[in-house]
Amino acid sequence: TVTYTPTQYTLTYNGNTNSGGTAPAAVTQNINTTVAVSGAGTLTKTGYTLSSWNTLANGLGTTYAIGSTFTFNASATLFAKWTADTYIVTFNANYTGGSVTPPTKEVTYDQIYDVLPTPTRSSFNFNGWFTESSGGTQITSASIVSITGPQTLYAQWTANTLTVTYNTQ
């Protein structure tokens, strides 16, 4: 009697710079067996969404979509491929009757804010965009996006000062 034991391979998932949670459990199957590629499990990465899995950590290998088929022809590790989330920033002129063009902008997590609008207000100097209507943190075009939801930025202003000289003649 000959006993045949099929070759088995293991598919392992790696969170690849995840900030929390754990990768899906490894799966071991016989050669030429197929399984559906797992979702994120409990993996999280602040400001990112799991978009797919890849055979290389740098994302330059073979990409597997979540739910796609993986065939066991060798053991493999699939690395999480993360896509940066985008958020809407709303600009508030921070004075009655004021407006800003454009009124909103889409920004991408971990990237710079890039071009921000410059509002105008008669008799006032624009001091910049801030996270609060008074005080708060200043956001510039070079600031790195670290928000994880919609954001409102407020214009802050300084009144122009005028010097009045009286001539008594």
C-alpha atoms as a PDB file:
ATOM      1  CA  THR A   1       0.000   0.000   0.000  1.00  0.00           C
ATOM      2  CA  VAL A   2       1.287   3.401  -0.987  1.00  0.00           C
ATOM      3  CA  THR A   3       0.206   6.379   1.051  1.00  0.00           C
ATOM      4  CA  TYR A   4       0.199   9.692  -0.720  1.00  0.00           C
ATOM      5  CA  THR A   5       0.470  12.857   1.345  1.00  0.00           C
ATOM      6  CA  PRO A   6      -0.179  15.953  -0.725  1.00  0.00           C
ATOM      7  CA  THR A   7       2.256  18.844  -0.410  1.00  0.00           C
ATOM      8  CA  GLN A   8       0.908  21.631   1.749  1.00  0.00           C
ATOM      9  CA  TYR A   9       1.691  25.323   1.609  1.00  0.00           C
ATOM     10  CA  THR A  10       0.936  28.216   3.931  1.00  0.00           C
ATOM     11  CA  LEU A  11      -0.416  31.653   3.081  1.00  0.00           C
ATOM     12  CA  THR A  12       0.556  34.230   5.701  1.00  0.00           C
ATOM     13  CA  TYR A  13      -0.734  37.811   6.000  1.00  0.00           C
ATOM     14  CA  ASN A  14       1.491  40.706   7.125  1.00  0.00           C
ATOM     15  CA  GLY A  15       0.066  44.076   8.303  1.00  0.00           C
ATOM     16  CA  ASN A  16       2.937  45.961   6.655  1.00  0.00           C
ATOM     17  CA  THR A  17       3.222  49.053   8.901  1.00  0.00           C
ATOM     18  CA  ASN A  18      -0.265  48.742  10.387  1.00  0.00           C
ATOM     19  CA  SER A  19      -0.899  50.823  13.509  1.00  0.00           C
ATOM     20  CA  GLY A  20      -3.248  48.398  15.258  1.00  0.00           C
ATOM     21  CA  GLY A  21      -5.058  45.093  15.184  1.00  0.00           C
ATOM     22  CA  THR A  22      -3.792  41.779  13.935  1.00  0.00           C
ATOM     23  CA  ALA A  23      -3.449  40.310  10.476  1.00  0.00           C
ATOM     24  CA  PRO A  24      -5.807  37.527   9.373  1.00  0.00           C
ATOM     25  CA  ALA A  25      -4.733  34.043  10.476  1.00  0.00           C
ATOM     26  CA  ALA A  26      -2.386  32.070   8.246  1.00  0.00           C
ATOM     27  CA  VAL A  27      -4.022  29.427   6.039  1.00  0.00           C
ATOM     28  CA  THR A  28      -2.433  26.063   5.185  1.00  0.00           C
ATOM     29  CA  GLN A  29      -3.818  24.064   2.249  1.00  0.00           C
ATOM     30  CA  ASN A  30      -2.867  21.300  -0.159  1.00  0.00           C
ATOM     31  CA  ILE A  31      -1.058  22.176  -3.382  1.00  0.00           C
ATOM     32  CA  ASN A  32      -3.330  23.593  -6.151  1.00  0.00           C
ATOM     33  CA  THR A  33      -6.097  24.375  -3.673  1.00  0.00           C
ATOM     34  CA  THR A  34      -7.607  27.858  -3.910  1.00  0.00           C
ATOM     35  CA  VAL A  35      -8.883  30.191  -1.214  1.00  0.00           C
ATOM     36  CA  ALA A  36     -10.397  33.662  -1.221  1.00  0.00           C
ATOM     37  CA  VAL A  37      -7.927  36.356  -0.160  1.00  0.00           C
ATOM     38  CA  SER A  38      -8.927  37.734   3.230  1.00  0.00           C
ATOM     39  CA  GLY A  39     -10.015  41.229   4.147  1.00  0.00           C
ATOM     40  CA  ALA A  40      -8.246  43.300   6.776  1.00  0.00           C
ATOM     41  CA  GLY A  41      -9.234  41.206   9.769  1.00  0.00           C
ATOM     42  CA  THR A  42      -8.726  43.600  12.654  1.00  0.00           C
ATOM     43  CA  LEU A  43      -5.826  45.458  11.008  1.00  0.00           C
ATOM     44  CA  THR A  44      -5.906  49.238  11.098  1.00  0.00           C
ATOM     45  CA  LYS A  45      -3.555  51.990   9.996  1.00  0.00           C
ATOM     46  CA  THR A  46      -4.386  55.524  11.041  1.00  0.00           C
ATOM     47  CA  GLY A  47      -5.375  57.613   8.022  1.00  0.00           C
ATOM     48  CA  TYR A  48      -5.295  54.644   5.632  1.00  0.00           C
ATOM     49  CA  THR A  49      -7.610  51.972   4.242  1.00  0.00           C
ATOM     50  CA  LEU A  50      -6.532  48.473   3.233  1.00  0.00           C
ATOM     51  CA  SER A  51      -6.878  48.441  -0.556  1.00  0.00           C
ATOM     52  CA  SER A  52      -5.385  45.033  -1.431  1.00  0.00           C
ATOM     53  CA  TRP A  53      -2.590  42.586  -0.640  1.00  0.00           C
ATOM     54  CA  ASN A  54       0.754  42.225  -2.414  1.00  0.00           C
ATOM     55  CA  THR A  55       3.517  39.626  -2.509  1.00  0.00           C
ATOM     56  CA  LEU A  56       6.109  42.344  -1.758  1.00  0.00           C
ATOM     57  CA  ALA A  57       6.093  44.798   1.138  1.00  0.00           C
ATOM     58  CA  ASN A  58       6.833  47.688  -1.254  1.00  0.00           C
ATOM     59  CA  GLY A  59       3.718  46.863  -3.325  1.00  0.00           C
ATOM     60  CA  LEU A  60       5.681  46.085  -6.504  1.00  0.00           C
ATOM     61  CA  GLY A  61       4.913  42.342  -6.546  1.00  0.00           C
ATOM     62  CA  THR A  62       1.718  40.568  -7.508  1.00  0.00           C
ATOM     63  CA  THR A  63      -1.395  42.304  -6.193  1.00  0.00           C
ATOM     64  CA  TYR A  64      -4.376  40.352  -4.871  1.00  0.00           C
ATOM     65  CA  ALA A  65      -7.697  42.112  -4.414  1.00  0.00           C
ATOM     66  CA  ILE A  66      -9.651  41.313  -1.269  1.00  0.00           C
ATOM     67  CA  GLY A  67     -11.864  38.322  -2.082  1.00  0.00           C
ATOM     68  CA  SER A  68      -9.827  37.310  -5.143  1.00  0.00           C
ATOM     69  CA  THR A  69      -8.523  33.761  -5.562  1.00  0.00           C
ATOM     70  CA  PHE A  70      -5.133  32.615  -4.306  1.00  0.00           C
ATOM     71  CA  THR A  71      -3.847  29.235  -5.537  1.00  0.00           C
ATOM     72  CA  PHE A  72      -1.437  27.284  -3.333  1.00  0.00           C
ATOM     73  CA  ASN A  73       1.605  26.477  -5.494  1.00  0.00           C
ATOM     74  CA  ALA A  74       4.116  27.615  -2.866  1.00  0.00           C
ATOM     75  CA  SER A  75       4.066  29.148   0.576  1.00  0.00           C
ATOM     76  CA  ALA A  76       3.642  32.918   0.416  1.00  0.00           C
ATOM     77  CA  THR A  77       3.263  36.034   2.507  1.00  0.00           C
ATOM     78  CA  LEU A  78       0.835  38.722   1.425  1.00  0.00           C
ATOM     79  CA  PHE A  79       1.582  42.234   2.647  1.00  0.00           C
ATOM     80  CA  ALA A  80      -1.149  44.794   3.324  1.00  0.00           C
ATOM     81  CA  LYS A  81      -1.297  47.510   0.678  1.00  0.00           C
ATOM     82  CA  TRP A  82      -2.612  50.692   2.268  1.00  0.00           C
ATOM     83  CA  THR A  83      -4.213  53.659   0.487  1.00  0.00           C
ATOM     84  CA  ALA A  84      -4.177  57.080   2.151  1.00  0.00           C
ATOM     85  CA  ASP A  85      -7.638  58.390   3.054  1.00  0.00           C
ATOM     86  CA  THR A  86      -8.919  61.736   1.771  1.00  0.00           C
ATOM     87  CA  TYR A  87     -10.892  64.305   3.733  1.00  0.00           C
ATOM     88  CA  ILE A  88     -12.767  67.530   2.993  1.00  0.00           C
ATOM     89  CA  VAL A  89     -11.479  70.774   4.507  1.00  0.00           C
ATOM     90  CA  THR A  90     -13.977  73.648   4.716  1.00  0.00           C
ATOM     91  CA  PHE A  91     -12.673  77.214   4.841  1.00  0.00           C
ATOM     92  CA  ASN A  92     -14.465  79.671   7.131  1.00  0.00           C
ATOM     93  CA  ALA A  93     -13.776  83.384   6.483  1.00  0.00           C
ATOM     94  CA  ASN A  94     -14.489  83.970  10.185  1.00  0.00           C
ATOM     95  CA  TYR A  95     -16.415  87.236   9.846  1.00  0.00           C
ATOM     96  CA  THR A  96     -20.035  88.112   9.124  1.00  0.00           C
ATOM     97  CA  GLY A  97     -20.680  88.248   5.413  1.00  0.00           C
ATOM     98  CA  GLY A  98     -17.261  86.816   4.542  1.00  0.00           C
ATOM     99  CA  SER A  99     -16.723  84.096   1.983  1.00  0.00           C
ATOM    100  CA  VAL A 100     -13.801  82.070   0.644  1.00  0.00           C
ATOM    101  CA  THR A 101     -13.165  80.779  -2.874  1.00  0.00           C
ATOM    102  CA  PRO A 102     -12.976  77.858  -3.126  1.00  0.00           C
ATOM    103  CA  PRO A 103     -15.045  77.088  -0.015  1.00  0.00           C
ATOM    104  CA  THR A 104     -13.709  73.502   0.347  1.00  0.00           C
ATOM    105  CA  LYS A 105     -10.722  71.390  -0.625  1.00  0.00           C
ATOM    106  CA  GLU A 106      -9.967  67.666  -0.613  1.00  0.00           C
ATOM    107  CA  VAL A 107      -6.745  66.712   1.200  1.00  0.00           C
ATOM    108  CA  THR A 108      -4.924  63.395   1.524  1.00  0.00           C
ATOM    109  CA  TYR A 109      -3.664  61.969   4.813  1.00  0.00           C
ATOM    110  CA  ASP A 110       0.114  62.221   5.302  1.00  0.00           C
ATOM    111  CA  GLN A 111       0.503  64.642   2.346  1.00  0.00           C
ATOM    112  CA  ILE A 112       0.864  68.436   2.411  1.00  0.00           C
ATOM    113  CA  TYR A 113      -2.212  70.664   2.350  1.00  0.00           C
ATOM    114  CA  ASP A 114      -0.701  72.353  -0.724  1.00  0.00           C
ATOM    115  CA  VAL A 115      -2.386  75.494  -2.115  1.00  0.00           C
ATOM    116  CA  LEU A 116      -4.773  77.170   0.329  1.00  0.00           C
ATOM    117  CA  PRO A 117      -7.081  80.047  -0.646  1.00  0.00           C
ATOM    118  CA  THR A 118      -6.258  83.594   0.424  1.00  0.00           C
ATOM    119  CA  PRO A 119      -9.378  85.467   1.552  1.00  0.00           C
ATOM    120  CA  THR A 120      -9.635  89.237   1.667  1.00  0.00           C
ATOM    121  CA  ARG A 121     -11.351  91.514   4.129  1.00  0.00           C
ATOM    122  CA  SER A 122     -11.518  95.263   3.932  1.00  0.00           C
ATOM    123  CA  SER A 123      -9.344  97.015   6.560  1.00  0.00           C
ATOM    124  CA  PHE A 124      -7.865  93.731   7.842  1.00  0.00           C
ATOM    125  CA  ASN A 125      -4.698  91.707   7.265  1.00  0.00           C
ATOM    126  CA  PHE A 126      -5.075  87.955   6.760  1.00  0.00           C
ATOM    127  CA  ASN A 127      -2.952  86.108   9.375  1.00  0.00           C
ATOM    128  CA  GLY A 128      -3.494  82.589   8.006  1.00  0.00           C
ATOM    129  CA  TRP A 129      -5.655  79.508   8.440  1.00  0.00           C
ATOM    130  CA  PHE A 130      -6.126  78.051  11.924  1.00  0.00           C
ATOM    131  CA  THR A 131      -7.880  75.059  13.477  1.00  0.00           C
ATOM    132  CA  GLU A 132      -9.913  77.358  15.751  1.00  0.00           C
ATOM    133  CA  SER A 133     -11.665  80.682  15.172  1.00  0.00           C
ATOM    134  CA  SER A 134      -9.361  82.160  17.829  1.00  0.00           C
ATOM    135  CA  GLY A 135      -6.051  80.564  18.767  1.00  0.00           C
ATOM    136  CA  GLY A 136      -5.629  76.974  17.587  1.00  0.00           C
ATOM    137  CA  THR A 137      -2.887  75.598  15.352  1.00  0.00           C
ATOM    138  CA  GLN A 138      -1.899  77.361  12.144  1.00  0.00           C
ATOM    139  CA  ILE A 139      -2.189  75.277   8.964  1.00  0.00           C
ATOM    140  CA  THR A 140      -0.030  76.310   5.991  1.00  0.00           C
ATOM    141  CA  SER A 141       0.324  74.898   2.502  1.00  0.00           C
ATOM    142  CA  ALA A 142       3.395  72.971   3.763  1.00  0.00           C
ATOM    143  CA  SER A 143       1.586  71.445   6.773  1.00  0.00           C
ATOM    144  CA  ILE A 144       1.208  67.653   6.681  1.00  0.00           C
ATOM    145  CA  VAL A 145      -2.385  66.386   6.810  1.00  0.00           C
ATOM    146  CA  SER A 146      -2.903  64.426  10.043  1.00  0.00           C
ATOM    147  CA  ILE A 147      -6.691  64.719  10.387  1.00  0.00           C
ATOM    148  CA  THR A 148      -8.860  61.598  10.210  1.00  0.00           C
ATOM    149  CA  GLY A 149     -12.161  63.245   9.373  1.00  0.00           C
ATOM    150  CA  PRO A 150     -13.602  66.445   7.880  1.00  0.00           C
ATOM    151  CA  GLN A 151     -12.024  69.676   9.098  1.00  0.00           C
ATOM    152  CA  THR A 152     -12.916  73.359   9.213  1.00  0.00           C
ATOM    153  CA  LEU A 153     -10.126  75.914   9.003  1.00  0.00           C
ATOM    154  CA  TYR A 154     -10.745  79.467  10.166  1.00  0.00           C
ATOM    155  CA  ALA A 155      -9.243  82.653   8.776  1.00  0.00           C
ATOM    156  CA  GLN A 156      -7.729  84.847  11.456  1.00  0.00           C
ATOM    157  CA  TRP A 157      -7.382  88.567  10.991  1.00  0.00           C
ATOM    158  CA  THR A 158      -5.620  91.609  12.383  1.00  0.00           C
ATOM    159  CA  ALA A 159      -7.226  95.012  11.963  1.00  0.00           C
ATOM    160  CA  ASN A 160      -5.174  97.499   9.979  1.00  0.00           C
ATOM    161  CA  THR A 161      -3.865 100.325  12.091  1.00  0.00           C
ATOM    162  CA  LEU A 162      -3.882 103.803  10.712  1.00  0.00           C
ATOM    163  CA  THR A 163      -1.865 106.731  11.924  1.00  0.00           C
ATOM    164  CA  VAL A 164      -3.746 109.972  11.989  1.00  0.00           C
ATOM    165  CA  THR A 165      -1.718 113.118  12.142  1.00  0.00           C
ATOM    166  CA  TYR A 166      -3.416 116.373  12.998  1.00  0.00           C
ATOM    167  CA  ASN A 167      -2.159 119.567  11.550  1.00  0.00           C
ATOM    168  CA  THR A 168      -3.241 122.434  13.786  1.00  0.00           C
ATOM    169  CA  GLN A 169      -2.368 125.068  11.193  1.00  0.00           C
END
